[in-house]
């Protein structure tokens, strides 16, 4: 076995523009749980944030409230309100 290849630090280039939307990519979206989704959506709306056209607030078949937004860099974000949620301390 020959010598190990030297380790090289990778440098990332900081950019101020998105590479493209995440919807439909390998990493389609990220998600966050909130305690009162309707109130959170109202707060976002007051700040000028709009829900995605296909991400309007809805409650799925197991009672989870769901909505989607997209950040300025194109990252799709799922917002959830889970009934009787239990989280680790």
PDB file of N, CA and C in Angstrom:
ATOM      1  N   UNK A   1       0.846  -1.172   0.000  1.00  0.00           N
ATOM      2  CA  UNK A   1       0.000   0.000   0.000  1.00  0.00           C
ATOM      3  C   UNK A   1       0.889   1.233   0.000  1.00  0.00           C
ATOM      4  N   UNK A   2       0.589   2.198  -0.869  1.00  0.00           N
ATOM      5  CA  UNK A   2       1.391   3.406  -0.998  1.00  0.00           C
ATOM      6  C   UNK A   2       1.044   4.439   0.055  1.00  0.00           C
ATOM      7  N   UNK A   3       1.700   5.568  -0.009  1.00  0.00           N
ATOM      8  CA  UNK A   3       1.437   6.629   0.967  1.00  0.00           C
ATOM      9  C   UNK A   3       0.021   7.189   0.781  1.00  0.00           C
ATOM     10  N   UNK A   4      -0.542   7.621   1.890  1.00  0.00           N
ATOM     11  CA  UNK A   4      -1.892   8.202   1.855  1.00  0.00           C
ATOM     12  C   UNK A   4      -1.863   9.548   1.145  1.00  0.00           C
ATOM     13  N   UNK A   5      -2.911   9.839   0.451  1.00  0.00           N
ATOM     14  CA  UNK A   5      -3.012  11.132  -0.214  1.00  0.00           C
ATOM     15  C   UNK A   5      -3.121  12.225   0.843  1.00  0.00           C
ATOM     16  N   UNK A   6      -2.494  13.368   0.615  1.00  0.00           N
ATOM     17  CA  UNK A   6      -2.579  14.447   1.603  1.00  0.00           C
ATOM     18  C   UNK A   6      -4.006  14.976   1.697  1.00  0.00           C
ATOM     19  N   UNK A   7      -4.380  15.350   2.907  1.00  0.00           N
ATOM     20  CA  UNK A   7      -5.704  15.945   3.104  1.00  0.00           C
ATOM     21  C   UNK A   7      -5.662  17.398   2.667  1.00  0.00           C
ATOM     22  N   UNK A   8      -6.702  17.820   2.008  1.00  0.00           N
ATOM     23  CA  UNK A   8      -6.779  19.201   1.572  1.00  0.00           C
ATOM     24  C   UNK A   8      -8.085  19.795   2.075  1.00  0.00           C
ATOM     25  N   UNK A   9      -8.001  20.977   2.601  1.00  0.00           N
ATOM     26  CA  UNK A   9      -9.207  21.672   3.048  1.00  0.00           C
ATOM     27  C   UNK A   9      -9.935  22.193   1.815  1.00  0.00           C
ATOM     28  N   UNK A  10     -11.227  21.982   1.807  1.00  0.00           N
ATOM     29  CA  UNK A  10     -12.011  22.512   0.706  1.00  0.00           C
ATOM     30  C   UNK A  10     -12.471  23.908   1.066  1.00  0.00           C
ATOM     31  N   UNK A  11     -12.400  24.768   0.129  1.00  0.00           N
ATOM     32  CA  UNK A  11     -12.898  26.118   0.343  1.00  0.00           C
ATOM     33  C   UNK A  11     -14.205  26.261  -0.400  1.00  0.00           C
ATOM     34  N   UNK A  12     -15.165  26.828   0.297  1.00  0.00           N
ATOM     35  CA  UNK A  12     -16.429  27.078  -0.372  1.00  0.00           C
ATOM     36  C   UNK A  12     -16.477  28.552  -0.756  1.00  0.00           C
ATOM     37  N   UNK A  13     -17.074  28.802  -1.860  1.00  0.00           N
ATOM     38  CA  UNK A  13     -17.200  30.164  -2.336  1.00  0.00           C
ATOM     39  C   UNK A  13     -18.536  30.711  -1.862  1.00  0.00           C
ATOM     40  N   UNK A  14     -18.490  31.825  -1.173  1.00  0.00           N
ATOM     41  CA  UNK A  14     -19.721  32.445  -0.692  1.00  0.00           C
ATOM     42  C   UNK A  14     -20.396  33.145  -1.869  1.00  0.00           C
ATOM     43  N   UNK A  15     -21.677  32.850  -2.031  1.00  0.00           N
ATOM     44  CA  UNK A  15     -22.427  33.486  -3.106  1.00  0.00           C
ATOM     45  C   UNK A  15     -23.685  34.112  -2.525  1.00  0.00           C
ATOM     46  N   UNK A  16     -24.174  35.110  -3.181  1.00  0.00           N
ATOM     47  CA  UNK A  16     -25.375  35.793  -2.728  1.00  0.00           C
ATOM     48  C   UNK A  16     -26.600  35.439  -3.556  1.00  0.00           C
ATOM     49  N   UNK A  17     -26.442  34.495  -4.471  1.00  0.00           N
ATOM     50  CA  UNK A  17     -27.573  34.080  -5.293  1.00  0.00           C
ATOM     51  C   UNK A  17     -27.740  32.564  -5.176  1.00  0.00           C
ATOM     52  N   UNK A  18     -28.959  32.119  -5.330  1.00  0.00           N
ATOM     53  CA  UNK A  18     -29.234  30.695  -5.236  1.00  0.00           C
ATOM     54  C   UNK A  18     -28.744  29.976  -6.475  1.00  0.00           C
ATOM     55  N   UNK A  19     -28.356  28.718  -6.299  1.00  0.00           N
ATOM     56  CA  UNK A  19     -28.018  27.886  -7.451  1.00  0.00           C
ATOM     57  C   UNK A  19     -29.280  27.538  -8.221  1.00  0.00           C
ATOM     58  N   UNK A  20     -30.377  27.461  -7.528  1.00  0.00           N
ATOM     59  CA  UNK A  20     -31.667  27.129  -8.114  1.00  0.00           C
ATOM     60  C   UNK A  20     -32.570  26.614  -7.018  1.00  0.00           C
ATOM     61  N   UNK A  21     -33.863  26.568  -7.260  1.00  0.00           N
ATOM     62  CA  UNK A  21     -34.791  26.092  -6.240  1.00  0.00           C
ATOM     63  C   UNK A  21     -34.486  24.654  -5.828  1.00  0.00           C
ATOM     64  N   UNK A  22     -34.810  24.313  -4.578  1.00  0.00           N
ATOM     65  CA  UNK A  22     -34.563  22.951  -4.106  1.00  0.00           C
ATOM     66  C   UNK A  22     -35.695  22.006  -4.491  1.00  0.00           C
ATOM     67  N   UNK A  23     -36.876  22.529  -4.790  1.00  0.00           N
ATOM     68  CA  UNK A  23     -38.008  21.668  -5.105  1.00  0.00           C
ATOM     69  C   UNK A  23     -37.673  20.756  -6.285  1.00  0.00           C
ATOM     70  N   UNK A  24     -37.836  19.438  -6.055  1.00  0.00           N
ATOM     71  CA  UNK A  24     -37.575  18.462  -7.095  1.00  0.00           C
ATOM     72  C   UNK A  24     -36.133  17.976  -7.146  1.00  0.00           C
ATOM     73  N   UNK A  25     -35.269  18.499  -6.299  1.00  0.00           N
ATOM     74  CA  UNK A  25     -33.872  18.057  -6.263  1.00  0.00           C
ATOM     75  C   UNK A  25     -33.731  16.935  -5.243  1.00  0.00           C
ATOM     76  N   UNK A  26     -32.525  16.420  -5.090  1.00  0.00           N
ATOM     77  CA  UNK A  26     -32.280  15.345  -4.125  1.00  0.00           C
ATOM     78  C   UNK A  26     -32.706  15.801  -2.729  1.00  0.00           C
ATOM     79  N   UNK A  27     -32.325  16.995  -2.341  1.00  0.00           N
ATOM     80  CA  UNK A  27     -32.811  17.587  -1.099  1.00  0.00           C
ATOM     81  C   UNK A  27     -33.934  18.518  -1.498  1.00  0.00           C
ATOM     82  N   UNK A  28     -35.157  18.007  -1.427  1.00  0.00           N
ATOM     83  CA  UNK A  28     -36.319  18.749  -1.900  1.00  0.00           C
ATOM     84  C   UNK A  28     -36.673  19.904  -0.976  1.00  0.00           C
ATOM     85  N   UNK A  29     -36.665  19.655   0.333  1.00  0.00           N
ATOM     86  CA  UNK A  29     -37.024  20.701   1.277  1.00  0.00           C
ATOM     87  C   UNK A  29     -36.560  20.337   2.686  1.00  0.00           C
ATOM     88  N   UNK A  30     -36.595  21.335   3.561  1.00  0.00           N
ATOM     89  CA  UNK A  30     -36.342  21.116   4.983  1.00  0.00           C
ATOM     90  C   UNK A  30     -37.641  21.413   5.717  1.00  0.00           C
ATOM     91  N   UNK A  31     -37.745  20.998   6.961  1.00  0.00           N
ATOM     92  CA  UNK A  31     -38.983  21.218   7.690  1.00  0.00           C
ATOM     93  C   UNK A  31     -38.754  21.643   9.125  1.00  0.00           C
ATOM     94  N   UNK A  32     -39.724  22.371   9.647  1.00  0.00           N
ATOM     95  CA  UNK A  32     -39.703  22.818  11.029  1.00  0.00           C
ATOM     96  C   UNK A  32     -41.088  22.627  11.631  1.00  0.00           C
ATOM     97  N   UNK A  33     -41.118  22.249  12.894  1.00  0.00           N
ATOM     98  CA  UNK A  33     -42.375  22.166  13.636  1.00  0.00           C
ATOM     99  C   UNK A  33     -42.595  23.477  14.379  1.00  0.00           C
ATOM    100  N   UNK A  34     -43.833  23.928  14.386  1.00  0.00           N
ATOM    101  CA  UNK A  34     -44.217  25.118  15.153  1.00  0.00           C
ATOM    102  C   UNK A  34     -45.422  24.765  16.003  1.00  0.00           C
ATOM    103  N   UNK A  35     -45.652  25.519  17.071  1.00  0.00           N
ATOM    104  CA  UNK A  35     -46.729  25.185  17.998  1.00  0.00           C
ATOM    105  C   UNK A  35     -48.097  25.670  17.528  1.00  0.00           C
ATOM    106  N   UNK A  36     -48.183  26.817  16.903  1.00  0.00           N
ATOM    107  CA  UNK A  36     -49.466  27.349  16.429  1.00  0.00           C
ATOM    108  C   UNK A  36     -49.257  27.802  14.993  1.00  0.00           C
ATOM    109  N   UNK A  37     -49.461  26.887  14.066  1.00  0.00           N
ATOM    110  CA  UNK A  37     -49.123  27.146  12.664  1.00  0.00           C
ATOM    111  C   UNK A  37     -49.939  28.295  12.080  1.00  0.00           C
ATOM    112  N   UNK A  38     -51.222  28.366  12.371  1.00  0.00           N
ATOM    113  CA  UNK A  38     -52.034  29.458  11.818  1.00  0.00           C
ATOM    114  C   UNK A  38     -51.516  30.822  12.286  1.00  0.00           C
ATOM    115  N   UNK A  39     -51.166  30.930  13.576  1.00  0.00           N
ATOM    116  CA  UNK A  39     -50.628  32.193  14.101  1.00  0.00           C
ATOM    117  C   UNK A  39     -49.262  32.489  13.477  1.00  0.00           C
ATOM    118  N   UNK A  40     -48.449  31.450  13.286  1.00  0.00           N
ATOM    119  CA  UNK A  40     -47.131  31.628  12.678  1.00  0.00           C
ATOM    120  C   UNK A  40     -47.272  32.102  11.235  1.00  0.00           C
ATOM    121  N   UNK A  41     -48.219  31.537  10.498  1.00  0.00           N
ATOM    122  CA  UNK A  41     -48.466  31.959   9.113  1.00  0.00           C
ATOM    123  C   UNK A  41     -48.904  33.420   9.083  1.00  0.00           C
ATOM    124  N   UNK A  42     -49.756  33.818  10.037  1.00  0.00           N
ATOM    125  CA  UNK A  42     -50.199  35.214  10.103  1.00  0.00           C
ATOM    126  C   UNK A  42     -49.013  36.146  10.370  1.00  0.00           C
ATOM    127  N   UNK A  43     -48.109  35.728  11.246  1.00  0.00           N
ATOM    128  CA  UNK A  43     -46.921  36.528  11.555  1.00  0.00           C
ATOM    129  C   UNK A  43     -46.020  36.638  10.323  1.00  0.00           C
ATOM    130  N   UNK A  44     -45.861  35.529   9.595  1.00  0.00           N
ATOM    131  CA  UNK A  44     -45.072  35.565   8.360  1.00  0.00           C
ATOM    132  C   UNK A  44     -45.714  36.511   7.347  1.00  0.00           C
ATOM    133  N   UNK A  45     -47.043  36.419   7.212  1.00  0.00           N
ATOM    134  CA  UNK A  45     -47.755  37.282   6.273  1.00  0.00           C
ATOM    135  C   UNK A  45     -47.577  38.756   6.604  1.00  0.00           C
ATOM    136  N   UNK A  46     -47.615  39.088   7.900  1.00  0.00           N
ATOM    137  CA  UNK A  46     -47.417  40.471   8.331  1.00  0.00           C
ATOM    138  C   UNK A  46     -46.014  40.967   7.985  1.00  0.00           C
ATOM    139  N   UNK A  47     -45.063  40.032   7.882  1.00  0.00           N
ATOM    140  CA  UNK A  47     -43.689  40.375   7.527  1.00  0.00           C
ATOM    141  C   UNK A  47     -43.458  40.320   6.016  1.00  0.00           C
ATOM    142  N   UNK A  48     -44.517  40.043   5.254  1.00  0.00           N
ATOM    143  CA  UNK A  48     -44.397  40.020   3.799  1.00  0.00           C
ATOM    144  C   UNK A  48     -44.056  38.670   3.201  1.00  0.00           C
ATOM    145  N   UNK A  49     -44.031  37.618   4.027  1.00  0.00           N
ATOM    146  CA  UNK A  49     -43.725  36.272   3.531  1.00  0.00           C
ATOM    147  C   UNK A  49     -45.018  35.621   3.063  1.00  0.00           C
ATOM    148  N   UNK A  50     -45.006  35.085   1.853  1.00  0.00           N
ATOM    149  CA  UNK A  50     -46.197  34.441   1.293  1.00  0.00           C
ATOM    150  C   UNK A  50     -45.998  32.937   1.239  1.00  0.00           C
ATOM    151  N   UNK A  51     -47.080  32.198   1.452  1.00  0.00           N
ATOM    152  CA  UNK A  51     -47.035  30.750   1.293  1.00  0.00           C
ATOM    153  C   UNK A  51     -46.857  30.409  -0.172  1.00  0.00           C
ATOM    154  N   UNK A  52     -46.209  29.289  -0.450  1.00  0.00           N
ATOM    155  CA  UNK A  52     -46.090  28.825  -1.831  1.00  0.00           C
ATOM    156  C   UNK A  52     -47.478  28.572  -2.395  1.00  0.00           C
ATOM    157  N   UNK A  53     -47.629  28.756  -3.698  1.00  0.00           N
ATOM    158  CA  UNK A  53     -48.928  28.551  -4.343  1.00  0.00           C
ATOM    159  C   UNK A  53     -49.455  27.143  -4.101  1.00  0.00           C
ATOM    160  N   UNK A  54     -48.558  26.153  -4.129  1.00  0.00           N
ATOM    161  CA  UNK A  54     -48.990  24.773  -3.893  1.00  0.00           C
ATOM    162  C   UNK A  54     -48.781  24.360  -2.435  1.00  0.00           C
ATOM    163  N   UNK A  55     -48.478  25.338  -1.569  1.00  0.00           N
ATOM    164  CA  UNK A  55     -48.185  25.028  -0.173  1.00  0.00           C
ATOM    165  C   UNK A  55     -49.137  25.676   0.803  1.00  0.00           C
ATOM    166  N   UNK A  56     -50.346  25.986   0.328  1.00  0.00           N
ATOM    167  CA  UNK A  56     -51.326  26.609   1.202  1.00  0.00           C
ATOM    168  C   UNK A  56     -51.586  25.733   2.424  1.00  0.00           C
ATOM    169  N   UNK A  57     -51.933  26.375   3.537  1.00  0.00           N
ATOM    170  CA  UNK A  57     -52.191  25.651   4.778  1.00  0.00           C
ATOM    171  C   UNK A  57     -53.261  24.587   4.571  1.00  0.00           C
ATOM    172  N   UNK A  58     -52.973  23.409   5.107  1.00  0.00           N
ATOM    173  CA  UNK A  58     -53.945  22.307   5.068  1.00  0.00           C
ATOM    174  C   UNK A  58     -53.649  21.379   6.241  1.00  0.00           C
ATOM    175  N   UNK A  59     -54.584  20.529   6.548  1.00  0.00           N
ATOM    176  CA  UNK A  59     -54.395  19.513   7.581  1.00  0.00           C
ATOM    177  C   UNK A  59     -54.469  18.168   6.889  1.00  0.00           C
ATOM    178  N   UNK A  60     -53.425  17.331   7.084  1.00  0.00           N
ATOM    179  CA  UNK A  60     -53.411  16.037   6.396  1.00  0.00           C
ATOM    180  C   UNK A  60     -54.279  15.011   7.120  1.00  0.00           C
ATOM    181  N   UNK A  61     -54.289  13.783   6.628  1.00  0.00           N
ATOM    182  CA  UNK A  61     -55.188  12.751   7.151  1.00  0.00           C
ATOM    183  C   UNK A  61     -54.860  12.275   8.560  1.00  0.00           C
ATOM    184  N   UNK A  62     -53.715  12.623   9.097  1.00  0.00           N
ATOM    185  CA  UNK A  62     -53.377  12.258  10.485  1.00  0.00           C
ATOM    186  C   UNK A  62     -53.403  13.475  11.405  1.00  0.00           C
ATOM    187  N   UNK A  63     -53.954  14.584  10.923  1.00  0.00           N
ATOM    188  CA  UNK A  63     -54.148  15.760  11.753  1.00  0.00           C
ATOM    189  C   UNK A  63     -52.985  16.719  11.843  1.00  0.00           C
ATOM    190  N   UNK A  64     -51.986  16.560  10.980  1.00  0.00           N
ATOM    191  CA  UNK A  64     -50.831  17.462  10.998  1.00  0.00           C
ATOM    192  C   UNK A  64     -51.123  18.660  10.095  1.00  0.00           C
ATOM    193  N   UNK A  65     -50.990  19.868  10.659  1.00  0.00           N
ATOM    194  CA  UNK A  65     -51.111  21.083   9.862  1.00  0.00           C
ATOM    195  C   UNK A  65     -49.831  21.284   9.079  1.00  0.00           C
ATOM    196  N   UNK A  66     -49.958  21.600   7.800  1.00  0.00           N
ATOM    197  CA  UNK A  66     -48.790  21.721   6.917  1.00  0.00           C
ATOM    198  C   UNK A  66     -48.941  22.964   6.045  1.00  0.00           C
ATOM    199  N   UNK A  67     -47.818  23.655   5.838  1.00  0.00           N
ATOM    200  CA  UNK A  67     -47.744  24.760   4.879  1.00  0.00           C
ATOM    201  C   UNK A  67     -46.313  24.811   4.350  1.00  0.00           C
ATOM    202  N   UNK A  68     -46.122  25.418   3.195  1.00  0.00           N
ATOM    203  CA  UNK A  68     -44.797  25.539   2.588  1.00  0.00           C
ATOM    204  C   UNK A  68     -44.506  26.990   2.228  1.00  0.00           C
ATOM    205  N   UNK A  69     -43.249  27.377   2.440  1.00  0.00           N
ATOM    206  CA  UNK A  69     -42.730  28.660   1.971  1.00  0.00           C
ATOM    207  C   UNK A  69     -41.404  28.384   1.268  1.00  0.00           C
ATOM    208  N   UNK A  70     -40.904  29.355   0.540  1.00  0.00           N
ATOM    209  CA  UNK A  70     -39.583  29.248  -0.091  1.00  0.00           C
ATOM    210  C   UNK A  70     -38.786  30.473   0.309  1.00  0.00           C
ATOM    211  N   UNK A  71     -37.564  30.252   0.804  1.00  0.00           N
ATOM    212  CA  UNK A  71     -36.743  31.384   1.237  1.00  0.00           C
ATOM    213  C   UNK A  71     -36.166  32.112   0.019  1.00  0.00           C
ATOM    214  N   UNK A  72     -35.551  33.266   0.226  1.00  0.00           N
ATOM    215  CA  UNK A  72     -35.030  34.055  -0.903  1.00  0.00           C
ATOM    216  C   UNK A  72     -33.973  33.337  -1.740  1.00  0.00           C
ATOM    217  N   UNK A  73     -33.342  32.300  -1.204  1.00  0.00           N
ATOM    218  CA  UNK A  73     -32.306  31.565  -1.931  1.00  0.00           C
ATOM    219  C   UNK A  73     -32.860  30.328  -2.627  1.00  0.00           C
ATOM    220  N   UNK A  74     -34.181  30.110  -2.538  1.00  0.00           N
ATOM    221  CA  UNK A  74     -34.803  29.001  -3.245  1.00  0.00           C
ATOM    222  C   UNK A  74     -35.008  27.740  -2.429  1.00  0.00           C
ATOM    223  N   UNK A  75     -34.699  27.778  -1.137  1.00  0.00           N
ATOM    224  CA  UNK A  75     -34.890  26.598  -0.297  1.00  0.00           C
ATOM    225  C   UNK A  75     -36.356  26.475   0.093  1.00  0.00           C
ATOM    226  N   UNK A  76     -36.947  25.348  -0.234  1.00  0.00           N
ATOM    227  CA  UNK A  76     -38.347  25.094   0.112  1.00  0.00           C
ATOM    228  C   UNK A  76     -38.401  24.660   1.577  1.00  0.00           C
ATOM    229  N   UNK A  77     -39.314  25.244   2.343  1.00  0.00           N
ATOM    230  CA  UNK A  77     -39.406  25.001   3.780  1.00  0.00           C
ATOM    231  C   UNK A  77     -40.814  24.541   4.130  1.00  0.00           C
ATOM    232  N   UNK A  78     -40.889  23.373   4.767  1.00  0.00           N
ATOM    233  CA  UNK A  78     -42.164  22.828   5.230  1.00  0.00           C
ATOM    234  C   UNK A  78     -42.361  23.242   6.678  1.00  0.00           C
ATOM    235  N   UNK A  79     -43.543  23.753   6.978  1.00  0.00           N
ATOM    236  CA  UNK A  79     -43.904  24.124   8.343  1.00  0.00           C
ATOM    237  C   UNK A  79     -44.987  23.167   8.812  1.00  0.00           C
ATOM    238  N   UNK A  80     -44.803  22.586   9.997  1.00  0.00           N
ATOM    239  CA  UNK A  80     -45.739  21.585  10.525  1.00  0.00           C
ATOM    240  C   UNK A  80     -46.240  21.975  11.901  1.00  0.00           C
ATOM    241  N   UNK A  81     -47.472  21.613  12.180  1.00  0.00           N
ATOM    242  CA  UNK A  81     -48.013  21.658  13.539  1.00  0.00           C
ATOM    243  C   UNK A  81     -48.581  20.274  13.810  1.00  0.00           C
ATOM    244  N   UNK A  82     -47.916  19.539  14.676  1.00  0.00           N
ATOM    245  CA  UNK A  82     -48.315  18.164  14.975  1.00  0.00           C
ATOM    246  C   UNK A  82     -49.202  18.126  16.211  1.00  0.00           C
ATOM    247  N   UNK A  83     -50.343  17.443  16.129  1.00  0.00           N
ATOM    248  CA  UNK A  83     -51.184  17.326  17.315  1.00  0.00           C
ATOM    249  C   UNK A  83     -50.511  16.422  18.362  1.00  0.00           C
ATOM    250  N   UNK A  84     -50.575  16.829  19.594  1.00  0.00           N
ATOM    251  CA  UNK A  84     -50.007  16.051  20.698  1.00  0.00           C
ATOM    252  C   UNK A  84     -48.535  15.708  20.461  1.00  0.00           C
ATOM    253  N   UNK A  85     -47.796  16.670  19.973  1.00  0.00           N
ATOM    254  CA  UNK A  85     -46.374  16.445  19.685  1.00  0.00           C
ATOM    255  C   UNK A  85     -45.603  16.200  20.979  1.00  0.00           C
ATOM    256  N   UNK A  86     -44.664  15.283  20.918  1.00  0.00           N
ATOM    257  CA  UNK A  86     -43.792  15.001  22.045  1.00  0.00           C
ATOM    258  C   UNK A  86     -42.362  15.184  21.559  1.00  0.00           C
ATOM    259  N   UNK A  87     -41.624  16.060  22.228  1.00  0.00           N
ATOM    260  CA  UNK A  87     -40.256  16.347  21.840  1.00  0.00           C
ATOM    261  C   UNK A  87     -39.310  16.006  22.974  1.00  0.00           C
ATOM    262  N   UNK A  88     -38.089  15.683  22.631  1.00  0.00           N
ATOM    263  CA  UNK A  88     -37.077  15.394  23.644  1.00  0.00           C
ATOM    264  C   UNK A  88     -36.727  16.689  24.364  1.00  0.00           C
ATOM    265  N   UNK A  89     -36.433  16.618  25.671  1.00  0.00           N
ATOM    266  CA  UNK A  89     -36.086  17.844  26.412  1.00  0.00           C
ATOM    267  C   UNK A  89     -34.754  18.404  25.969  1.00  0.00           C
TER     268      UNK A  89
END
